[in-house]
N, C-alpha and C. Protein backbone atom coordinates (compact mmCIF):
# COMPACT_ATOMS: atom_id res chain seq x y z
N MET A 1 74.42 105.24 75.88
CA MET A 1 75.92 105.21 75.87
C MET A 1 76.84 105.96 74.25
N GLU A 2 75.40 105.65 73.52
CA GLU A 2 75.80 106.19 72.18
C GLU A 2 75.83 108.02 72.36
N ASP A 3 74.76 108.51 73.04
CA ASP A 3 74.93 109.85 73.53
C ASP A 3 75.87 110.05 74.03
N LEU A 4 76.10 109.09 75.23
CA LEU A 4 77.54 109.88 76.01
C LEU A 4 78.90 110.19 74.76
N LYS A 5 78.57 108.92 74.65
CA LYS A 5 80.40 108.93 73.74
C LYS A 5 79.95 110.35 72.51
N LYS A 6 79.10 110.32 72.05
CA LYS A 6 78.77 111.44 71.32
C LYS A 6 79.24 112.82 71.84
N PHE A 7 78.58 112.86 73.00
CA PHE A 7 79.04 114.20 73.77
C PHE A 7 80.33 114.59 73.66
N SER A 8 80.83 113.52 74.41
CA SER A 8 82.07 113.62 74.77
C SER A 8 83.31 113.83 73.58
N LYS A 9 82.81 113.20 72.87
CA LYS A 9 83.74 113.49 71.25
C LYS A 9 83.65 114.88 71.01
N ASP A 10 82.43 115.46 70.90
CA ASP A 10 82.20 116.86 70.90
C ASP A 10 82.61 117.70 71.84
N GLN A 11 82.92 117.49 73.07
CA GLN A 11 83.91 117.94 74.25
C GLN A 11 85.44 118.01 73.51
N GLY A 12 85.79 116.72 72.64
CA GLY A 12 87.29 116.57 72.58
C GLY A 12 87.76 115.86 73.22
N ALA A 13 86.99 115.08 73.94
CA ALA A 13 87.40 113.63 75.07
C ALA A 13 88.07 112.86 74.34
N LEU A 14 89.80 112.43 73.96
CA LEU A 14 90.46 111.47 73.77
C LEU A 14 89.60 110.07 73.86
N GLU A 15 89.22 110.16 74.87
CA GLU A 15 88.66 109.16 75.36
C GLU A 15 87.02 108.43 74.65
N ALA A 16 86.64 109.54 74.31
CA ALA A 16 85.58 109.30 73.65
C ALA A 16 84.97 108.14 73.04
N ASP A 17 85.76 107.56 72.14
CA ASP A 17 85.65 106.20 71.28
C ASP A 17 85.74 105.00 72.54
N ASP A 18 86.05 105.31 73.70
CA ASP A 18 86.33 103.85 74.52
C ASP A 18 86.39 104.24 76.19
N LEU A 19 85.13 104.84 76.49
CA LEU A 19 85.04 105.39 77.78
C LEU A 19 84.85 103.92 78.36
N THR A 20 85.71 104.54 79.75
CA THR A 20 85.78 103.33 80.95
C THR A 20 84.63 103.88 81.96
N HIS A 21 84.58 103.11 83.30
CA HIS A 21 83.45 103.40 83.73
C HIS A 21 83.73 104.61 84.87
N TRP A 22 84.98 104.91 85.04
CA TRP A 22 85.47 106.64 85.78
C TRP A 22 85.29 107.24 84.30
N ASP A 23 85.32 107.59 83.28
CA ASP A 23 84.77 107.98 82.58
C ASP A 23 83.47 108.54 82.21
N VAL A 24 82.56 107.17 82.25
CA VAL A 24 80.79 107.28 82.22
C VAL A 24 80.64 108.20 82.93
N SER A 25 80.94 108.04 84.43
CA SER A 25 80.39 108.97 85.78
C SER A 25 80.94 110.48 85.28
N PHE A 26 82.31 110.13 84.76
CA PHE A 26 82.66 111.81 84.64
C PHE A 26 81.38 112.68 83.78
N TRP A 27 81.73 112.10 82.13
CA TRP A 27 80.79 112.86 81.16
C TRP A 27 79.38 112.33 81.36
N SER A 28 78.92 111.58 82.25
CA SER A 28 77.51 111.42 82.67
C SER A 28 77.16 112.60 83.28
N GLU A 29 77.77 113.25 84.21
CA GLU A 29 77.62 114.48 84.74
C GLU A 29 77.97 115.97 83.83
N ARG A 30 78.60 115.72 82.96
CA ARG A 30 78.87 116.91 82.23
C ARG A 30 77.70 116.56 81.16
N LEU A 31 77.53 115.80 80.99
CA LEU A 31 76.02 115.93 79.70
C LEU A 31 74.79 116.06 80.74
N ARG A 32 74.59 115.70 81.87
CA ARG A 32 73.33 115.77 82.95
C ARG A 32 72.99 117.43 82.53
N GLU A 33 74.47 118.02 83.42
CA GLU A 33 75.09 119.67 83.43
C GLU A 33 74.40 120.68 82.15
N SER A 34 75.16 119.92 81.14
CA SER A 34 75.19 120.88 79.61
C SER A 34 73.38 120.69 79.34
N LYS A 35 72.60 119.44 79.28
CA LYS A 35 70.97 119.16 79.14
C LYS A 35 70.09 119.63 79.91
N TYR A 36 70.42 119.64 81.21
CA TYR A 36 69.59 120.61 82.02
C TYR A 36 69.92 121.17 83.01
N ASP A 37 71.12 121.92 82.80
CA ASP A 37 71.84 123.17 83.81
C ASP A 37 71.42 122.81 85.05
N ILE A 38 71.83 121.22 85.42
CA ILE A 38 71.76 121.16 86.92
C ILE A 38 73.17 120.72 87.51
N ASN A 39 73.73 121.23 88.42
CA ASN A 39 75.11 120.58 89.16
C ASN A 39 74.76 120.18 90.12
N GLU A 40 74.95 118.74 90.27
CA GLU A 40 74.53 117.81 91.63
C GLU A 40 75.34 118.96 93.03
N GLU A 41 76.12 119.44 92.70
CA GLU A 41 76.75 120.25 93.93
C GLU A 41 76.15 121.00 94.51
N GLU A 42 75.35 121.77 93.33
CA GLU A 42 74.31 123.15 93.93
C GLU A 42 73.03 122.23 94.73
N LEU A 43 72.89 121.17 94.62
CA LEU A 43 71.38 120.66 95.11
C LEU A 43 71.80 119.83 96.42
N ARG A 44 72.92 119.63 96.89
CA ARG A 44 73.36 119.26 98.52
C ARG A 44 73.26 119.99 99.61
N PRO A 45 72.95 121.16 99.29
CA PRO A 45 72.01 121.90 100.58
C PRO A 45 70.83 121.51 100.77
N PHE A 46 69.94 121.17 100.05
CA PHE A 46 68.71 120.57 100.32
C PHE A 46 68.66 118.86 100.73
N PHE A 47 70.07 118.06 100.72
CA PHE A 47 70.07 117.13 101.33
C PHE A 47 70.91 116.96 102.28
N SER A 48 70.77 117.65 103.28
CA SER A 48 71.41 117.41 104.66
C SER A 48 71.28 115.76 105.86
N LEU A 49 72.07 115.69 106.07
CA LEU A 49 71.89 113.84 106.31
C LEU A 49 70.83 114.27 107.33
N PRO A 50 70.54 115.09 108.61
CA PRO A 50 69.67 115.06 109.06
C PRO A 50 68.20 115.00 108.31
N ASN A 51 68.22 115.87 107.67
CA ASN A 51 66.88 115.94 106.90
C ASN A 51 66.63 114.73 105.88
N VAL A 52 67.28 114.23 105.53
CA VAL A 52 67.44 112.78 104.62
C VAL A 52 66.78 111.78 105.76
N MET A 53 67.57 111.82 106.94
CA MET A 53 66.93 110.69 107.53
C MET A 53 65.49 110.59 108.05
N ASP A 54 65.16 112.19 108.46
CA ASP A 54 63.84 112.70 108.64
C ASP A 54 63.08 112.02 107.50
N GLY A 55 63.38 112.23 106.54
CA GLY A 55 62.34 112.22 105.38
C GLY A 55 62.41 110.58 105.38
N LEU A 56 63.60 109.46 105.17
CA LEU A 56 63.39 108.37 105.18
C LEU A 56 62.87 107.95 106.15
N PHE A 57 62.41 108.36 107.36
CA PHE A 57 61.79 107.45 108.45
C PHE A 57 60.52 107.96 108.51
N ASP A 58 59.85 109.22 107.68
CA ASP A 58 58.88 109.27 107.63
C ASP A 58 58.07 108.20 106.43
N LEU A 59 59.10 108.37 105.41
CA LEU A 59 58.34 107.51 104.16
C LEU A 59 58.20 106.30 104.83
N ALA A 60 58.93 105.53 105.94
CA ALA A 60 59.09 104.19 106.34
C ALA A 60 57.88 103.85 106.72
N LYS A 61 57.15 105.21 107.84
CA LYS A 61 55.99 105.20 108.22
C LYS A 61 54.88 104.58 107.92
N THR A 62 55.01 106.01 106.74
CA THR A 62 54.01 106.32 105.71
C THR A 62 53.58 104.68 104.54
N LEU A 63 54.95 104.21 104.34
CA LEU A 63 54.49 103.05 103.36
C LEU A 63 54.51 101.73 104.55
N PHE A 64 55.37 101.50 105.46
CA PHE A 64 55.01 100.36 106.27
C PHE A 64 54.82 100.12 107.74
N GLY A 65 53.90 101.65 107.82
CA GLY A 65 53.14 101.51 109.50
C GLY A 65 54.49 100.90 110.75
N ILE A 66 55.78 101.62 110.10
CA ILE A 66 56.56 101.76 111.65
C ILE A 66 57.02 102.55 111.73
N GLU A 67 57.41 102.43 112.99
CA GLU A 67 58.09 104.10 113.56
C GLU A 67 59.73 103.49 113.86
N ILE A 68 60.41 104.36 113.50
CA ILE A 68 61.74 104.49 113.80
C ILE A 68 62.22 105.50 114.59
N GLU A 69 62.83 105.16 116.08
CA GLU A 69 63.40 106.07 117.14
C GLU A 69 64.55 106.06 117.20
N PRO A 70 65.25 107.11 117.68
CA PRO A 70 66.43 106.96 118.67
C PRO A 70 66.52 106.17 119.60
N ALA A 71 67.21 105.10 120.15
CA ALA A 71 67.39 104.51 121.20
C ALA A 71 68.86 104.09 121.43
N ASP A 72 69.67 105.91 121.57
CA ASP A 72 70.97 105.91 122.18
C ASP A 72 71.05 105.51 123.53
N GLY A 73 71.78 104.90 123.68
CA GLY A 73 72.28 104.61 125.21
C GLY A 73 71.80 102.65 125.25
N LEU A 74 70.81 102.49 124.75
CA LEU A 74 70.56 100.77 124.82
C LEU A 74 71.41 99.79 124.46
N ALA A 75 72.20 100.16 123.18
CA ALA A 75 73.58 99.29 123.22
C ALA A 75 74.62 99.98 122.77
N PRO A 76 75.98 99.65 123.58
CA PRO A 76 77.35 100.15 123.24
C PRO A 76 77.15 100.55 121.55
N VAL A 77 78.32 101.29 121.66
CA VAL A 77 78.49 102.06 120.34
C VAL A 77 79.95 102.12 120.22
N TRP A 78 80.70 102.14 118.92
CA TRP A 78 82.33 101.66 118.42
C TRP A 78 82.66 103.27 118.47
N ASN A 79 81.90 104.44 118.24
CA ASN A 79 82.25 105.53 117.49
C ASN A 79 81.00 106.48 118.37
N LYS A 80 81.57 107.56 118.90
CA LYS A 80 80.47 108.45 119.23
C LYS A 80 79.75 108.75 117.91
N ASP A 81 80.44 109.02 116.93
CA ASP A 81 79.06 108.93 115.70
C ASP A 81 78.16 108.17 115.06
N VAL A 82 78.46 107.24 115.80
CA VAL A 82 77.86 106.04 115.48
C VAL A 82 76.06 106.34 116.49
N LYS A 83 74.89 105.81 115.81
CA LYS A 83 73.81 106.16 116.28
C LYS A 83 73.08 104.91 116.65
N PHE A 84 72.15 104.48 117.24
CA PHE A 84 71.41 102.90 117.45
C PHE A 84 69.73 103.67 117.52
N PHE A 85 69.38 102.62 116.52
CA PHE A 85 68.11 103.16 116.92
C PHE A 85 66.72 101.68 116.98
N ARG A 86 65.61 101.95 117.29
CA ARG A 86 64.43 101.13 117.59
C ARG A 86 63.46 101.17 116.37
N VAL A 87 62.88 100.22 115.90
CA VAL A 87 62.04 100.50 114.87
C VAL A 87 61.06 99.36 115.47
N LYS A 88 60.11 100.18 115.72
CA LYS A 88 58.49 99.36 116.64
C LYS A 88 57.58 99.81 114.92
N ASP A 89 56.32 98.48 115.35
CA ASP A 89 55.10 98.57 114.90
C ASP A 89 54.50 99.03 114.93
N SER A 90 53.01 99.34 114.39
CA SER A 90 52.06 100.16 114.65
C SER A 90 51.51 100.47 115.73
N SER A 91 51.50 98.99 116.79
CA SER A 91 51.12 99.20 118.06
C SER A 91 52.46 99.42 119.14
N GLY A 92 53.58 100.19 118.28
CA GLY A 92 53.98 100.34 119.36
C GLY A 92 55.49 99.67 119.76
N SER A 93 55.21 98.16 119.50
CA SER A 93 56.21 97.25 120.11
C SER A 93 57.46 97.41 119.07
N PRO A 94 58.32 96.75 119.69
CA PRO A 94 59.74 96.67 119.22
C PRO A 94 59.98 95.61 118.56
N VAL A 95 60.43 95.74 116.97
CA VAL A 95 60.33 94.51 116.05
C VAL A 95 62.16 94.76 115.56
N ALA A 96 62.54 95.55 115.86
CA ALA A 96 64.20 95.37 115.62
C ALA A 96 64.92 96.41 115.73
N TYR A 97 65.64 96.77 115.70
CA TYR A 97 67.21 97.84 115.99
C TYR A 97 67.84 97.62 114.90
N PHE A 98 68.33 99.24 114.90
CA PHE A 98 69.61 99.09 113.96
C PHE A 98 70.61 99.97 113.83
N TYR A 99 72.21 100.05 114.17
CA TYR A 99 72.95 100.76 113.74
C TYR A 99 73.25 101.53 113.08
N PHE A 100 73.49 102.69 112.91
CA PHE A 100 73.65 103.43 111.85
C PHE A 100 75.14 104.43 112.05
N ASP A 101 76.02 104.07 111.15
CA ASP A 101 77.55 104.70 110.97
C ASP A 101 77.68 105.28 109.62
N PRO A 102 77.24 106.60 109.86
CA PRO A 102 77.15 107.31 108.74
C PRO A 102 78.64 108.33 108.27
N TYR A 103 79.70 108.69 108.93
CA TYR A 103 80.55 108.93 108.60
C TYR A 103 81.79 108.22 108.31
N SER A 104 82.43 109.04 106.97
CA SER A 104 83.98 108.19 106.78
C SER A 104 85.06 108.26 107.83
N ARG A 105 85.76 107.43 107.99
CA ARG A 105 86.65 107.35 109.03
C ARG A 105 87.70 106.61 107.87
N PRO A 106 88.52 107.16 106.99
CA PRO A 106 89.59 106.51 106.23
C PRO A 106 90.54 105.78 107.11
N SER A 107 90.84 105.64 107.98
CA SER A 107 91.79 104.89 108.82
C SER A 107 91.47 103.77 109.51
N GLU A 108 90.04 103.83 109.80
CA GLU A 108 89.01 102.55 110.37
C GLU A 108 87.88 102.07 109.36
N LYS A 109 87.53 102.50 108.58
CA LYS A 109 86.35 101.94 107.47
C LYS A 109 87.27 101.61 106.06
N ARG A 110 86.55 100.52 105.20
CA ARG A 110 86.64 100.60 104.39
C ARG A 110 85.66 101.74 103.44
N GLN A 111 85.79 101.59 101.98
CA GLN A 111 84.87 102.63 101.19
C GLN A 111 83.91 102.23 100.92
N GLY A 112 82.72 103.14 100.69
CA GLY A 112 81.66 102.18 100.00
C GLY A 112 80.41 102.51 101.35
N ALA A 113 79.40 101.73 101.04
CA ALA A 113 78.23 101.87 101.91
C ALA A 113 77.87 100.11 102.16
N TRP A 114 77.76 99.92 102.97
CA TRP A 114 76.92 98.33 103.12
C TRP A 114 76.27 98.19 104.63
N MET A 115 75.44 97.30 104.40
CA MET A 115 74.88 96.78 105.44
C MET A 115 74.64 95.63 106.01
N ASP A 116 74.24 94.82 107.03
CA ASP A 116 74.35 93.58 107.79
C ASP A 116 73.97 93.40 109.00
N GLU A 117 73.40 92.30 109.39
CA GLU A 117 72.95 91.92 110.23
C GLU A 117 73.64 91.32 111.44
N VAL A 118 73.58 92.04 112.86
CA VAL A 118 74.73 91.68 113.84
C VAL A 118 73.89 90.54 114.40
N VAL A 119 72.53 90.55 114.82
CA VAL A 119 72.16 89.11 115.03
C VAL A 119 70.86 88.96 114.31
N ALA A 120 70.27 88.15 114.15
CA ALA A 120 69.46 87.81 113.31
C ALA A 120 68.10 87.26 114.42
N ARG A 121 66.82 87.61 113.92
CA ARG A 121 66.01 87.22 114.99
C ARG A 121 66.04 85.36 115.14
N SER A 122 65.56 85.37 116.48
CA SER A 122 65.58 84.02 116.87
C SER A 122 64.52 83.51 118.31
N ARG A 123 64.22 82.42 118.32
CA ARG A 123 63.22 82.47 119.39
C ARG A 123 63.96 81.48 120.15
N VAL A 124 65.32 80.88 119.74
CA VAL A 124 66.12 79.74 120.54
C VAL A 124 66.86 80.28 121.19
N LEU A 125 67.41 81.72 120.53
CA LEU A 125 68.33 82.61 121.45
C LEU A 125 67.67 83.54 122.15
N SER A 126 66.60 83.76 122.36
CA SER A 126 65.95 85.07 123.13
C SER A 126 66.74 84.70 124.38
N PRO A 127 66.80 85.51 125.08
CA PRO A 127 66.87 85.91 127.09
C PRO A 127 66.18 85.16 127.75
N ASP A 128 64.84 84.90 127.04
CA ASP A 128 63.76 84.25 128.02
C ASP A 128 63.10 82.93 127.42
N GLY A 129 63.42 82.30 126.46
CA GLY A 129 63.13 81.30 125.64
C GLY A 129 61.57 81.33 125.17
N ASN A 130 61.24 82.19 125.49
CA ASN A 130 59.69 82.29 125.01
C ASN A 130 59.40 82.92 124.01
N SER A 131 59.53 84.70 123.98
CA SER A 131 59.82 85.64 122.98
C SER A 131 60.66 85.33 122.07
N SER A 132 61.03 86.10 121.29
CA SER A 132 61.90 86.03 120.10
C SER A 132 62.88 87.16 120.42
N ARG A 133 64.44 87.09 120.06
CA ARG A 133 65.28 87.89 120.05
C ARG A 133 65.01 88.93 118.59
N LEU A 134 65.37 89.93 119.32
CA LEU A 134 64.88 90.95 117.99
C LEU A 134 66.31 90.78 117.05
N PRO A 135 66.00 91.42 115.78
CA PRO A 135 67.33 91.58 114.86
C PRO A 135 67.72 92.68 115.02
N VAL A 136 68.92 92.67 115.04
CA VAL A 136 69.75 93.69 114.84
C VAL A 136 70.55 93.68 113.83
N ALA A 137 70.80 95.12 112.86
CA ALA A 137 71.42 95.15 111.89
C ALA A 137 71.80 96.50 111.92
N HIS A 138 73.49 96.68 111.18
CA HIS A 138 73.88 97.75 110.50
C HIS A 138 74.23 98.40 109.50
N MET A 139 73.99 99.44 109.35
CA MET A 139 74.27 100.61 107.96
C MET A 139 75.33 101.39 108.22
N VAL A 140 76.18 100.94 107.11
CA VAL A 140 77.49 101.91 107.32
C VAL A 140 77.79 102.58 106.06
N CYS A 141 77.79 103.89 106.38
CA CYS A 141 78.22 104.98 104.98
C CYS A 141 79.89 105.55 105.04
N ASN A 142 79.91 106.26 104.28
CA ASN A 142 81.03 106.99 104.11
C ASN A 142 80.90 108.28 103.86
N GLN A 143 79.57 109.21 104.57
CA GLN A 143 79.47 110.34 104.72
C GLN A 143 80.24 111.68 104.83
N THR A 144 80.76 112.64 104.37
CA THR A 144 81.64 113.80 104.74
C THR A 144 80.86 114.11 106.17
N PRO A 145 82.05 114.14 107.09
CA PRO A 145 81.12 114.69 108.58
C PRO A 145 81.10 116.04 108.52
N PRO A 146 79.92 116.30 109.62
CA PRO A 146 79.94 117.66 109.65
C PRO A 146 80.76 118.48 109.49
N VAL A 147 80.86 119.93 109.12
CA VAL A 147 82.58 120.45 109.53
C VAL A 147 81.80 122.15 110.06
N GLY A 148 81.79 122.21 111.41
CA GLY A 148 81.45 123.12 112.13
C GLY A 148 80.17 123.15 112.47
N SER A 149 79.51 124.09 112.10
CA SER A 149 78.06 124.32 112.28
C SER A 149 76.96 123.66 110.67
N LYS A 150 78.36 123.49 110.16
CA LYS A 150 77.44 122.68 108.62
C LYS A 150 77.37 121.30 108.50
N PRO A 151 76.20 121.00 108.23
CA PRO A 151 75.75 119.53 108.75
C PRO A 151 76.57 119.10 106.91
N SER A 152 76.51 117.92 107.15
CA SER A 152 76.70 116.51 106.27
C SER A 152 75.86 116.40 105.29
N LEU A 153 76.40 117.04 103.99
CA LEU A 153 75.08 116.79 102.72
C LEU A 153 75.79 115.75 102.21
N MET A 154 74.50 115.14 101.68
CA MET A 154 74.33 113.73 100.30
C MET A 154 74.31 115.04 99.29
N THR A 155 74.40 113.82 98.20
CA THR A 155 73.71 114.17 97.01
C THR A 155 72.67 113.56 96.54
N PHE A 156 71.73 114.07 95.77
CA PHE A 156 70.48 113.46 94.62
C PHE A 156 70.44 111.92 95.12
N ARG A 157 71.80 111.16 94.17
CA ARG A 157 71.97 110.02 94.43
C ARG A 157 72.01 109.56 95.80
């Protein structure tokens, strides 16, 4: 924080002695650009949403031995951009499902990103009373949607 205050003061920032949380984000990015010649916007083309999702699913398979696959059509969705996924264990048996709602819709969705369960795992509430009802979660993000042939791009963070 002291480095950030010194850097912003050296740049002539009037707020340097009393940085608020929005100032910290701004001046952190300027300091990072100054020290490392890295601009997050220049990295975005390397983080298209489809590539990030593929990398995430590959990492989950490597670390946890699970496979995540599209299961569109298996459950209803509330928007054309929402995707439904199946999570399978190493034997190929489903163990969970999740909805992924990636794009911003300012008139419908609150800001930020969040996740929660839609239904929890339950033996009591299973359809046949013997097996467990599998859990379903939802992950909601506010990515910028793709434009034309250009994909939605994420930042490194």
